[in-house]
Protein backbone atom coordinates (compact mmCIF):
# COMPACT_ATOMS: atom_id res chain seq x y z
CA UNK A 1 128.44 16.79 235.77
CA UNK A 2 125.34 18.82 235.60
CA UNK A 3 125.86 18.71 231.65
CA UNK A 4 126.27 14.86 231.71
CA UNK A 5 122.99 14.55 233.50
CA UNK A 6 121.50 16.67 231.21
CA UNK A 7 122.65 14.73 228.19
CA UNK A 8 121.47 11.44 229.67
CA UNK A 9 117.89 13.26 229.89
CA UNK A 10 117.55 14.06 226.49
CA UNK A 11 118.41 10.73 225.68
CA UNK A 12 115.64 8.88 227.70
CA UNK A 13 112.81 11.48 226.61
CA UNK A 14 114.29 10.67 223.12
CA UNK A 15 114.06 6.55 223.74
CA UNK A 16 110.63 7.10 225.07
CA UNK A 17 109.24 8.80 221.96
CA UNK A 18 111.00 6.13 220.11
CA UNK A 19 108.89 3.64 221.57
CA UNK A 20 105.50 5.49 220.48
CA UNK A 21 104.14 3.38 217.61
CA UNK A 22 100.97 3.69 215.81
CA UNK A 23 98.52 0.31 215.78
CA UNK A 24 96.31 -0.73 213.08
CA UNK A 25 93.11 0.49 214.32
CA UNK A 26 94.46 4.13 214.23
CA UNK A 27 95.38 4.85 218.24
CA UNK A 28 98.67 5.51 219.41
CA UNK A 29 99.89 2.68 221.84
CA UNK A 30 102.82 2.00 223.74
CA UNK A 31 105.42 -0.45 223.97
CA UNK A 32 104.79 -3.51 226.17
CA UNK A 33 108.30 -2.72 228.25
CA UNK A 34 108.06 1.21 228.18
CA UNK A 35 107.84 2.07 232.33
CA UNK A 36 107.89 5.63 231.21
CA UNK A 37 103.99 5.68 232.79
CA UNK A 38 102.43 8.07 229.73
CA UNK A 39 99.46 7.21 227.86
CA UNK A 40 99.22 8.74 224.44
CA UNK A 41 96.00 9.36 223.30
CA UNK A 42 95.64 9.36 219.79
CA UNK A 43 92.06 8.77 218.37
CA UNK A 44 91.00 9.28 215.06
CA UNK A 45 88.95 12.41 214.54
CA UNK A 46 87.23 13.82 211.96
CA UNK A 47 90.59 16.40 211.38
CA UNK A 48 93.86 14.86 211.25
CA UNK A 49 96.68 17.28 212.73
CA UNK A 50 100.08 16.84 212.42
CA UNK A 51 100.55 17.46 216.32
CA UNK A 52 98.50 14.36 217.25
CA UNK A 53 101.05 11.83 216.97
CA UNK A 54 103.09 14.05 219.80
CA UNK A 55 100.14 14.16 222.23
CA UNK A 56 101.49 12.80 225.40
CA UNK A 57 99.11 12.66 228.86
CA UNK A 58 101.73 12.22 231.79
CA UNK A 59 100.19 10.14 235.19
CA UNK A 60 103.62 10.63 236.75
CA UNK A 61 105.03 14.12 238.46
CA UNK A 62 107.94 14.34 239.81
CA UNK A 63 106.38 17.48 242.24
CA UNK A 64 103.49 15.32 243.82
CA UNK A 65 103.66 14.81 247.47
CA UNK A 66 104.71 11.13 248.54
CA UNK A 67 101.11 10.09 250.04
CA UNK A 68 99.90 10.36 246.36
CA UNK A 69 102.25 7.73 244.88
CA UNK A 70 99.89 4.77 245.70
CA UNK A 71 97.16 6.71 243.59
CA UNK A 72 99.33 7.14 240.73
CA UNK A 73 100.69 3.92 240.48
CA UNK A 74 96.78 2.39 240.65
CA UNK A 75 95.99 4.68 237.64
CA UNK A 76 98.47 3.58 236.08
CA UNK A 77 97.62 0.03 236.21
CA UNK A 78 94.35 0.43 234.32
CA UNK A 79 94.19 -0.42 230.94
CA UNK A 80 94.88 2.58 228.58
CA UNK A 81 92.00 2.17 226.04
CA UNK A 82 89.57 2.55 229.77
CA UNK A 83 91.12 5.73 229.95
CA UNK A 84 90.21 6.86 226.70
CA UNK A 85 86.72 5.67 227.02
CA UNK A 86 86.26 7.75 230.18
CA UNK A 87 88.07 10.85 228.74
CA UNK A 88 85.62 10.51 226.04
CA UNK A 89 82.07 9.99 228.28
CA UNK A 90 83.21 12.93 229.81
CA UNK A 91 83.48 14.79 226.29
CA UNK A 92 80.30 13.59 225.78
CA UNK A 93 78.40 14.57 229.40
CA UNK A 94 79.71 17.75 229.36
CA UNK A 95 78.78 18.98 225.93
CA UNK A 96 76.65 16.68 224.34
CA UNK A 97 76.25 18.40 221.22
CA UNK A 98 79.82 17.99 219.63
CA UNK A 99 78.48 14.74 217.50
CA UNK A 100 77.18 16.47 214.35
CA UNK A 101 80.41 15.14 212.93
CA UNK A 102 81.63 11.57 213.97
CA UNK A 103 83.71 8.43 212.60
CA UNK A 104 81.16 5.80 211.30
CA UNK A 105 82.23 2.08 211.36
CA UNK A 106 83.49 2.27 207.99
CA UNK A 107 86.06 5.21 208.81
CA UNK A 108 84.15 7.29 207.12
CA UNK A 109 83.29 11.09 208.54
CA UNK A 110 79.25 11.38 209.16
CA UNK A 111 78.27 14.82 208.89
CA UNK A 112 74.59 15.00 209.79
CA UNK A 113 72.83 16.91 206.77
CA UNK A 114 73.64 19.90 205.14
CA UNK A 115 70.79 21.88 206.35
CA UNK A 116 72.55 21.25 210.07
CA UNK A 117 75.52 22.69 208.40
CA UNK A 118 73.77 26.02 207.64
CA UNK A 119 72.33 26.11 210.53
CA UNK A 120 75.51 26.02 212.23
CA UNK A 121 76.47 29.40 209.96
CA UNK A 122 73.37 31.49 210.50
CA UNK A 123 73.83 31.13 214.45
CA UNK A 124 77.52 31.82 214.29
CA UNK A 125 78.78 28.21 214.99
CA UNK A 126 75.81 27.00 217.55
CA UNK A 127 74.38 23.78 216.64
CA UNK A 128 70.52 24.09 216.77
CA UNK A 129 68.34 21.64 216.48
CA UNK A 130 64.75 21.74 215.75
CA UNK A 131 62.67 19.67 218.81
CA UNK A 132 59.30 20.75 218.23
CA UNK A 133 57.09 17.96 220.07
CA UNK A 134 54.91 15.48 217.66
CA UNK A 135 52.90 14.62 220.55
CA UNK A 136 51.87 16.59 223.73
CA UNK A 137 52.07 15.12 226.91
CA UNK A 138 49.02 15.63 229.31
CA UNK A 139 49.41 18.41 232.11
CA UNK A 140 48.01 17.85 235.41
CA UNK A 141 46.66 20.64 237.06
CA UNK A 142 47.54 21.94 240.74
CA UNK A 143 51.27 20.89 240.46
CA UNK A 144 54.36 21.55 237.98
CA UNK A 145 57.83 21.01 238.65
CA UNK A 146 60.09 23.14 237.82
CA UNK A 147 63.97 23.24 238.28
CA UNK A 148 66.21 26.63 238.38
CA UNK A 149 68.89 26.35 235.63
CA UNK A 150 71.71 28.80 235.43
CA UNK A 151 70.57 32.27 234.08
CA UNK A 152 70.71 32.42 229.77
CA UNK A 153 72.61 35.10 229.84
CA UNK A 154 75.30 34.69 231.92
CA UNK A 155 78.15 35.17 229.91
CA UNK A 156 77.07 38.36 228.99
CA UNK A 157 74.13 39.75 230.86
CA UNK A 158 72.52 43.13 230.24
CA UNK A 159 73.03 46.29 231.83
CA UNK A 160 69.34 47.16 231.44
CA UNK A 161 65.87 45.72 231.72
CA UNK A 162 65.17 43.02 229.14
CA UNK A 163 62.57 44.34 227.17
CA UNK A 164 62.67 41.11 225.47
CA UNK A 165 63.28 36.90 225.67
CA UNK A 166 62.57 34.65 222.73
CA UNK A 167 63.04 31.33 221.80
CA UNK A 168 63.28 30.82 218.19
CA UNK A 169 61.06 28.54 216.74
CA UNK A 170 62.69 25.62 216.11
CA UNK A 171 66.02 25.65 218.09
CA UNK A 172 67.45 26.23 221.13
CA UNK A 173 68.47 30.32 220.17
CA UNK A 174 67.33 32.72 222.85
CA UNK A 175 67.11 36.43 221.92
CA UNK A 176 67.42 39.14 224.53
CA UNK A 177 67.19 42.62 223.76
CA UNK A 178 67.10 45.97 226.21
CA UNK A 179 67.18 49.66 226.63
CA UNK A 180 71.15 48.81 226.26
CA UNK A 181 70.60 48.79 222.56
CA UNK A 182 71.97 45.48 222.11
CA UNK A 183 70.54 42.45 220.79
CA UNK A 184 71.99 39.19 222.38
CA UNK A 185 71.87 35.73 220.91
CA UNK A 186 72.64 32.23 223.15
CA UNK A 187 72.76 29.04 222.47
CA UNK A 188 70.62 27.16 225.27
CA UNK A 189 71.61 23.84 226.54
CA UNK A 190 70.77 24.37 230.60
CA UNK A 191 74.45 24.48 230.96
CA UNK A 192 77.02 26.79 229.87
CA UNK A 193 74.33 28.45 227.58
CA UNK A 194 76.69 29.60 225.09
CA UNK A 195 76.67 33.15 224.39
CA UNK A 196 76.61 33.08 220.05
CA UNK A 197 76.67 36.50 218.58
CA UNK A 198 75.82 40.55 219.83
CA UNK A 199 74.41 43.29 217.84
CA UNK A 200 74.54 46.64 218.71
CA UNK A 201 72.48 49.47 217.69
CA UNK A 202 73.98 52.86 217.98
CA UNK A 203 70.63 55.07 217.85
CA UNK A 204 68.07 52.45 218.29
CA UNK A 205 66.87 51.58 222.80
CA UNK A 206 65.59 48.90 222.14
CA UNK A 207 61.72 48.42 223.22
CA UNK A 208 60.62 45.66 221.25
CA UNK A 209 62.33 43.04 219.18
CA UNK A 210 61.89 39.48 217.87
CA UNK A 211 62.38 36.78 215.10
CA UNK A 212 60.10 36.90 212.18
CA UNK A 213 59.59 35.30 209.21
CA UNK A 214 60.95 31.99 208.58
CA UNK A 215 63.47 32.61 211.62
CA UNK A 216 66.19 34.17 209.75
CA UNK A 217 65.69 37.83 210.60
CA UNK A 218 65.46 39.66 213.81
CA UNK A 219 63.56 42.78 213.88
CA UNK A 220 64.35 45.75 216.23
CA UNK A 221 62.00 48.96 217.28
CA UNK A 222 61.88 51.37 219.79
CA UNK A 223 60.79 55.29 220.42
CA UNK A 224 61.82 55.85 216.54
CA UNK A 225 60.41 56.21 213.56
CA UNK A 226 62.36 53.57 211.62
CA UNK A 227 63.40 50.19 212.69
CA UNK A 228 66.59 47.73 212.22
CA UNK A 229 66.48 44.34 210.43
CA UNK A 230 68.74 42.10 211.01
CA UNK A 231 69.68 39.21 208.97
CA UNK A 232 71.39 35.83 210.71
CA UNK A 233 72.33 34.11 207.43
CA UNK A 234 75.00 36.78 206.38
CA UNK A 235 75.42 39.17 209.35
CA UNK A 236 73.62 42.45 207.99
CA UNK A 237 71.83 45.19 209.53
CA UNK A 238 69.26 47.16 207.41
CA UNK A 239 68.10 50.37 208.49
CA UNK A 240 64.51 50.55 207.15
CA UNK A 241 61.98 53.90 207.57
CA UNK A 242 58.48 52.38 206.64
CA UNK A 243 56.43 55.48 204.64
CA UNK A 244 53.43 56.53 207.78
CA UNK A 245 50.73 58.81 208.23
CA UNK A 246 52.67 61.85 210.15
CA UNK A 247 50.41 60.55 213.37
CA UNK A 248 52.64 57.66 213.77
CA UNK A 249 55.83 58.82 215.83
CA UNK A 250 56.88 55.50 217.54
CA UNK A 251 57.17 52.06 216.64
CA UNK A 252 58.02 50.75 219.87
CA UNK A 253 55.09 48.39 219.83
CA UNK A 254 54.56 45.93 217.23
CA UNK A 255 53.44 42.00 216.81
CA UNK A 256 54.12 39.58 214.01
CA UNK A 257 52.56 37.24 212.46
CA UNK A 258 53.24 33.16 213.23
CA UNK A 259 56.00 31.27 211.71
CA UNK A 260 54.85 29.82 208.58
CA UNK A 261 51.82 32.55 207.62
CA UNK A 262 51.81 32.69 203.85
CA UNK A 263 52.23 36.76 203.83
CA UNK A 264 54.47 37.59 207.08
CA UNK A 265 53.58 41.54 208.16
CA UNK A 266 54.10 43.30 211.20
CA UNK A 267 51.37 45.34 213.10
CA UNK A 268 52.43 48.83 214.88
CA UNK A 269 50.19 50.38 217.50
CA UNK A 270 50.05 53.73 216.39
CA UNK A 271 47.92 56.95 217.89
CA UNK A 272 44.25 57.27 217.94
CA UNK A 273 43.38 53.57 217.32
CA UNK A 274 45.56 53.83 213.93
CA UNK A 275 47.40 50.06 213.21
CA UNK A 276 49.66 49.93 210.43
CA UNK A 277 50.37 46.96 208.73
CA UNK A 278 54.11 46.36 207.12
CA UNK A 279 54.58 43.50 204.96
CA UNK A 280 58.21 41.79 205.44
CA UNK A 281 58.74 40.50 201.90
CA UNK A 282 58.41 44.43 200.24
CA UNK A 283 58.98 45.90 204.31
CA UNK A 284 56.26 48.46 202.95
CA UNK A 285 53.13 49.44 204.75
CA UNK A 286 50.30 47.73 202.79
CA UNK A 287 47.41 49.26 205.03
CA UNK A 288 46.06 50.71 207.72
CA UNK A 289 43.37 49.54 209.99
CA UNK A 290 41.91 51.75 212.68
CA UNK A 291 39.74 50.92 215.91
CA UNK A 292 37.74 53.29 218.63
CA UNK A 293 39.90 54.31 221.19
CA UNK A 294 43.53 53.82 221.57
CA UNK A 295 45.36 50.22 220.89
CA UNK A 296 47.03 48.99 223.84
CA UNK A 297 47.41 45.53 222.50
CA UNK A 298 47.34 43.11 219.34
CA UNK A 299 48.12 39.60 218.20
CA UNK A 300 47.82 37.29 214.97
CA UNK A 301 45.86 34.10 214.76
CA UNK A 302 47.79 31.10 214.24
CA UNK A 303 47.15 31.33 210.25
CA UNK A 304 48.31 34.98 210.33
CA UNK A 305 45.21 35.39 208.15
CA UNK A 306 43.52 37.99 211.14
CA UNK A 307 44.54 40.31 213.55
CA UNK A 308 42.88 40.90 216.73
CA UNK A 309 43.18 44.42 218.79
CA UNK A 310 41.69 45.97 221.72
CA UNK A 311 42.35 48.89 224.07
CA UNK A 312 40.82 51.00 226.48
CA UNK A 313 37.50 50.70 225.35
CA UNK A 314 37.35 46.61 226.50
CA UNK A 315 36.28 45.60 223.27
CA UNK A 316 38.37 42.96 221.14
CA UNK A 317 38.19 43.74 217.08
CA UNK A 318 38.70 41.16 214.39
CA UNK A 319 40.52 42.10 211.28
CA UNK A 320 40.04 40.45 208.55
CA UNK A 321 43.49 40.23 206.49
CA UNK A 322 42.63 38.90 203.50
CA UNK A 323 40.86 41.08 201.06
CA UNK A 324 39.22 44.23 202.60
CA UNK A 325 41.13 44.75 205.90
CA UNK A 326 38.02 45.25 207.60
CA UNK A 327 36.48 44.56 210.89
CA UNK A 328 34.22 41.71 210.74
CA UNK A 329 34.28 40.89 214.23
CA UNK A 330 33.81 42.54 217.74
CA UNK A 331 34.05 41.10 221.35
CA UNK A 332 33.40 43.01 224.29
CA UNK A 333 35.57 41.67 227.46
CA UNK A 334 33.43 41.01 230.56
CA UNK A 335 34.01 42.56 233.29
CA UNK A 336 37.38 44.50 232.16
CA UNK A 337 37.13 48.48 231.62
CA UNK A 338 41.00 48.24 229.75
CA UNK A 339 42.25 45.60 227.58
CA UNK A 340 46.10 45.46 228.19
CA UNK A 341 47.32 41.91 226.30
CA UNK A 342 46.16 39.87 224.24
CA UNK A 343 47.16 35.84 223.23
CA UNK A 344 46.05 32.91 221.04
CA UNK A 345 46.72 29.52 221.34
CA UNK A 346 48.99 27.62 218.54
CA UNK A 347 45.90 25.51 218.47
CA UNK A 348 43.83 28.31 217.56
CA UNK A 349 41.39 27.14 220.29
CA UNK A 350 41.80 29.61 223.19
CA UNK A 351 42.19 33.65 223.40
CA UNK A 352 43.33 35.22 226.63
CA UNK A 353 42.34 38.48 227.46
CA UNK A 354 44.00 40.48 230.02
CA UNK A 355 42.66 43.56 231.61
CA UNK A 356 44.34 46.56 233.80
CA UNK A 357 42.67 44.90 236.84
CA UNK A 358 44.76 41.84 236.80
CA UNK A 359 41.90 39.38 235.74
CA UNK A 360 42.47 37.23 232.53
CA UNK A 361 39.59 35.68 230.64
CA UNK A 362 39.83 32.95 228.50
CA UNK A 363 37.41 32.42 225.17
CA UNK A 364 37.51 28.87 223.23
CA UNK A 365 36.90 28.58 219.47
CA UNK A 366 33.92 26.89 218.64
CA UNK A 367 35.59 26.48 215.27
CA UNK A 368 37.69 23.73 216.76
CA UNK A 369 35.27 21.13 216.67
CA UNK A 370 37.37 18.21 217.92
CA UNK A 371 40.67 18.63 220.39
CA UNK A 372 43.07 15.64 219.46
CA UNK A 373 43.45 15.19 223.43
CA UNK A 374 40.89 14.54 225.87
CA UNK A 375 41.44 13.81 229.88
CA UNK A 376 39.12 13.29 232.77
CA UNK A 377 40.19 14.72 236.26
CA UNK A 378 37.76 15.46 239.00
CA UNK A 379 34.89 14.28 237.10
CA UNK A 380 35.24 16.63 234.39
CA UNK A 381 36.44 15.85 231.07
CA UNK A 382 39.17 18.81 229.91
CA UNK A 383 40.23 19.19 226.38
CA UNK A 384 43.60 20.56 225.26
CA UNK A 385 45.89 20.33 222.51
CA UNK A 386 46.29 20.62 219.01
CA UNK A 387 42.18 19.88 217.56
CA UNK A 388 41.88 17.45 214.95
CA UNK A 389 42.15 20.00 211.29
CA UNK A 390 40.09 17.26 209.63
CA UNK A 391 37.06 17.73 211.69
CA UNK A 392 37.48 21.57 211.99
CA UNK A 393 34.67 23.51 211.43
CA UNK A 394 34.67 26.54 208.68
CA UNK A 395 34.39 29.62 209.78
CA UNK A 396 31.54 30.98 207.79
CA UNK A 397 31.07 34.49 209.14
CA UNK A 398 34.76 35.09 208.20
CA UNK A 399 36.11 35.20 211.71
CA UNK A 400 37.08 33.16 215.12
CA UNK A 401 33.50 31.84 216.50
CA UNK A 402 34.91 33.09 219.88
CA UNK A 403 32.10 32.85 222.51
CA UNK A 404 30.65 35.84 223.75
CA UNK A 405 31.11 34.38 227.72
CA UNK A 406 34.43 33.38 229.21
CA UNK A 407 34.77 29.41 229.89
CA UNK A 408 37.13 30.71 232.91
CA UNK A 409 39.14 33.42 234.71
CA UNK A 410 41.79 33.97 236.77
CA UNK A 411 42.35 36.85 239.49
CA UNK A 412 45.37 35.95 240.99
CA UNK A 413 47.10 39.93 239.85
CA UNK A 414 46.57 42.45 241.18
CA UNK A 415 47.89 45.13 238.49
CA UNK A 416 47.36 45.21 235.10
CA UNK A 417 48.31 42.15 232.54
CA UNK A 418 51.74 43.13 230.85
CA UNK A 419 52.40 39.91 228.98
CA UNK A 420 50.72 36.55 228.31
CA UNK A 421 52.37 33.54 226.13
CA UNK A 422 51.07 30.34 225.45
CA UNK A 423 53.76 27.43 225.44
CA UNK A 424 53.67 24.91 222.55
CA UNK A 425 51.29 22.40 223.00
CA UNK A 426 48.44 24.92 224.61
CA UNK A 427 48.61 23.80 228.09
CA UNK A 428 50.46 26.70 230.28
CA UNK A 429 49.83 29.97 229.52
CA UNK A 430 52.20 32.19 231.47
CA UNK A 431 50.61 35.60 232.93
CA UNK A 432 53.13 38.75 233.87
CA UNK A 433 52.72 42.38 234.92
CA UNK A 434 56.17 44.61 235.30
CA UNK A 435 54.38 47.17 237.90
CA UNK A 436 54.80 44.81 240.68
CA UNK A 437 57.47 42.66 242.00
CA UNK A 438 57.02 38.84 241.33
CA UNK A 439 54.13 39.25 239.75
CA UNK A 440 53.88 35.75 237.59
CA UNK A 441 51.52 32.93 237.05
CA UNK A 442 51.82 30.09 235.50
CA UNK A 443 48.06 29.15 234.69
CA UNK A 444 46.64 25.44 233.73
CA UNK A 445 44.63 26.06 230.37
CA UNK A 446 42.37 23.34 230.23
CA UNK A 447 41.24 24.09 233.53
CA UNK A 448 41.93 26.98 233.78
CA UNK A 449 43.82 27.22 237.71
CA UNK A 450 46.61 28.33 238.30
CA UNK A 451 49.40 26.44 239.26
CA UNK A 452 50.08 26.47 242.83
CA UNK A 453 53.78 24.96 243.61
CA UNK A 454 55.29 27.48 241.30
CA UNK A 455 56.57 29.80 241.26
CA UNK A 456 56.50 30.49 244.94
CA UNK A 457 57.48 33.34 247.38
CA UNK A 458 61.29 32.28 247.29
CA UNK A 459 61.76 32.19 243.17
CA UNK A 460 63.53 35.46 243.06
CA UNK A 461 61.72 36.78 239.95
CA UNK A 462 62.05 40.50 240.66
CA UNK A 463 60.08 42.75 238.43
CA UNK A 464 59.41 40.53 235.36
CA UNK A 465 59.49 41.97 231.90
CA UNK A 466 59.04 39.43 229.62
CA UNK A 467 58.25 35.77 229.60
CA UNK A 468 59.48 33.10 226.56
CA UNK A 469 58.87 29.36 226.20
CA UNK A 470 61.18 26.88 224.08
CA UNK A 471 59.44 25.55 221.04
CA UNK A 472 59.39 21.96 222.76
CA UNK A 473 58.01 23.45 226.21
CA UNK A 474 61.19 21.99 228.82
CA UNK A 475 62.75 25.44 229.17
CA UNK A 476 61.36 28.35 230.24
CA UNK A 477 62.65 32.07 230.30
CA UNK A 478 62.24 35.13 232.48
CA UNK A 479 63.46 38.69 231.47
CA UNK A 480 63.64 40.74 234.42
CA UNK A 481 64.24 44.33 235.18
CA UNK A 482 68.19 43.81 236.37
CA UNK A 483 68.94 42.47 232.86
CA UNK A 484 68.96 38.76 233.93
CA UNK A 485 67.35 36.08 231.80
CA UNK A 486 66.52 33.53 234.30
CA UNK A 487 66.18 30.06 233.04
CA UNK A 488 63.72 27.14 234.31
CA UNK A 489 63.29 23.77 233.07
CA UNK A 490 60.11 22.61 233.00
CA UNK A 491 60.13 18.59 233.54
CA UNK A 492 56.80 17.87 232.41
CA UNK A 493 58.44 17.99 228.79
CA UNK A 494 61.41 17.04 226.98
CA UNK A 495 64.43 19.36 225.92
């Protein structure tokens, strides 16, 4: 009797499979006389799979309790195409980056350009987009709406302090690095933040890392006389030992030229004011500049033609990198004994100087004549954004014409400023110190005032080691001493 029932069951399954026939539009449909209650979803995709024809999703289950039978019957009455649409819409809501390949109305596969396919290979399969804003939005001072998201490195957190967090200049790709000798890449989407790749450097605890050149390579340095270069396109790691003076024994601190510079290079902060310059094209030391005292910080101009350095003497040195690599100007920072951090805005309008006492002074470049945007607030006009380059004055003195007096200052930190970062349109500056817990402030640059509502006393920042803005300004990442890359969404910008 049992074998007979088993045979009848197999026969019924075979009959139910025979009822399924492909329709003209490529979707699997069921016979109207079928009472099995199964829905077959076989929409055309960019890839053909023979198993798709047998894909079946049952709405009935003999193991369900009786009180669910009514809901199952209601579900079975729904139109099958509506179920298919709901499944697809749910997929789009959970992962909206899967639309780079789709079926067009003519049935052909649409691929979003060969360039994006190359981007997939460069980032280990992560789809990344260029999201640089063409038109900046006006940010009001006082209040900044920000929401905390899931940690950027939640899929693979670090076991040491994150010495570096940095967004790719054209993509939603985040780099993290620390003393655990690992470089990690994450595809930031505000939700899953998928882990893309990790690179382990066995003999180098990483003190500084970052994208360089056109963004296809990553450099990592530590307390060694060599650095590592990781090529994301080919997945290769190269160890570089530049020929430097015997006095330079550590390459743990360096700064690189901004993207798009004609002669990309690195500047290493050596001892006794020696700053060797390394060309990224030949990976050789091309020159060395020397300042008075010890070098604590440095930054390049947006065009990469000048280098600004500072240290314990409280003076900012401007070096011309076009010809003789000589100092063309000196700026004495007002009120500071030692300068610990420098930052220049992408619009080449502002220079931020951070000191060991926690003060930050802002100097404005007189060479940028006209800003692209002005807004009247509290009776005063606030200038910010990308300047009108057609109206820009040439710096005849071969240096940035920053004024000798600061246009504004903030005194919200009590320990030395370790890191400063402008966002893409130079309206927000992140100022942080790792010597005191929760020492992070976001500054409204046009008015030189600190946003009062964020971060608040309840924001779990811990000891901040590094900060970074995304290229669009919509994401803000914070690397702390616990190895977590905190991720925040700034609602004033698009992602």
